[in-house]
Structure formats: structure tokens, C-alpha cells
Amino acid sequence: MTTGQLATLAGTVPSAIAYHCDRLEAAGVIRRERGGREVWILRTPRGHEIIGLFSR
């Protein structure tokens, strides 16, 4: 998803998403990729493992 899509889904502004993504990226849970004017948020393998823990 893009930062804007996540903001819409969460009912907040993109700057709030960017703030939290900074922390998640520092923890190795997500990574960001710029695609033109958009920033895509992608889960890392570590992020997938964490989601798996909560899906059981």
C-alpha cells in the first residue's frame, strides 16, 4: 500500500503514517520504496513473521 492508502484506511493524515513507518522501518518490520510521487510500504520477512505470530 502507499502511505496515502494507509492514511485513508487508518482515518488519519499521511504525516502520521510516515511518523509510525519511521519506527517500523527502524525495527526492520517494513521497508519503503519510492515509485514516482508515491511511497510504497512493504513488509519485510521479519514483518511477515510477526503477522504470522498473531494469525495463529
Protein backbone atom coordinates (compact mmCIF):
# COMPACT_ATOMS: atom_id res chain seq x y z
CA MET A 1 0.00 0.00 0.00
CA THR A 2 1.03 3.58 -0.36
CA THR A 3 1.35 5.99 2.54
CA GLY A 4 -1.82 7.75 1.36
CA GLN A 5 -3.78 4.49 1.16
CA LEU A 6 -2.70 3.55 4.68
CA ALA A 7 -3.69 7.00 5.95
CA THR A 8 -7.15 6.67 4.42
CA LEU A 9 -7.57 3.17 5.85
CA ALA A 10 -6.48 4.36 9.31
CA GLY A 11 -8.56 7.56 9.14
CA THR A 12 -5.56 9.82 9.66
CA VAL A 13 -3.15 12.02 7.71
CA PRO A 14 -0.14 10.74 5.74
CA SER A 15 2.29 12.55 8.07
CA ALA A 16 1.05 10.42 10.99
CA ILE A 17 1.61 7.27 8.94
CA ALA A 18 5.11 8.47 8.00
CA TYR A 19 5.92 9.00 11.69
CA HIS A 20 4.96 5.44 12.60
CA CYS A 21 6.59 4.00 9.49
CA ASP A 22 9.89 5.56 10.61
CA ARG A 23 9.73 3.45 13.77
CA LEU A 24 8.60 0.28 11.97
CA GLU A 25 11.36 0.68 9.41
CA ALA A 26 13.95 1.15 12.17
CA ALA A 27 12.68 -2.10 13.73
CA GLY A 28 13.07 -3.92 10.41
CA VAL A 29 9.36 -4.68 10.07
CA ILE A 30 8.75 -2.67 6.90
CA ARG A 31 10.69 -1.06 4.10
CA ARG A 32 9.74 1.87 1.88
CA GLU A 33 10.12 2.18 -1.86
CA ARG A 34 9.54 5.35 -3.82
CA GLY A 35 7.61 4.91 -7.04
CA GLY A 36 7.32 8.30 -8.73
CA ARG A 37 5.41 10.56 -6.36
CA GLU A 38 4.21 7.72 -4.15
CA VAL A 39 5.93 5.89 -1.34
CA TRP A 40 5.06 2.21 -1.09
CA ILE A 41 5.15 0.48 2.29
CA LEU A 42 6.24 -3.17 2.09
CA ARG A 43 6.59 -5.81 4.80
CA THR A 44 9.99 -7.36 5.31
CA PRO A 45 10.42 -11.07 6.07
CA ARG A 46 10.53 -10.07 9.74
CA GLY A 47 7.22 -8.23 9.33
CA HIS A 48 5.65 -11.33 7.78
CA GLU A 49 6.89 -13.43 10.71
CA ILE A 50 5.32 -11.06 13.23
CA ILE A 51 1.98 -11.09 11.38
CA GLY A 52 2.17 -14.89 11.36
CA LEU A 53 2.51 -14.95 15.14
CA PHE A 54 -0.77 -13.05 15.53
CA SER A 55 -2.59 -15.08 12.88
CA ARG A 56 -2.44 -18.36 14.74
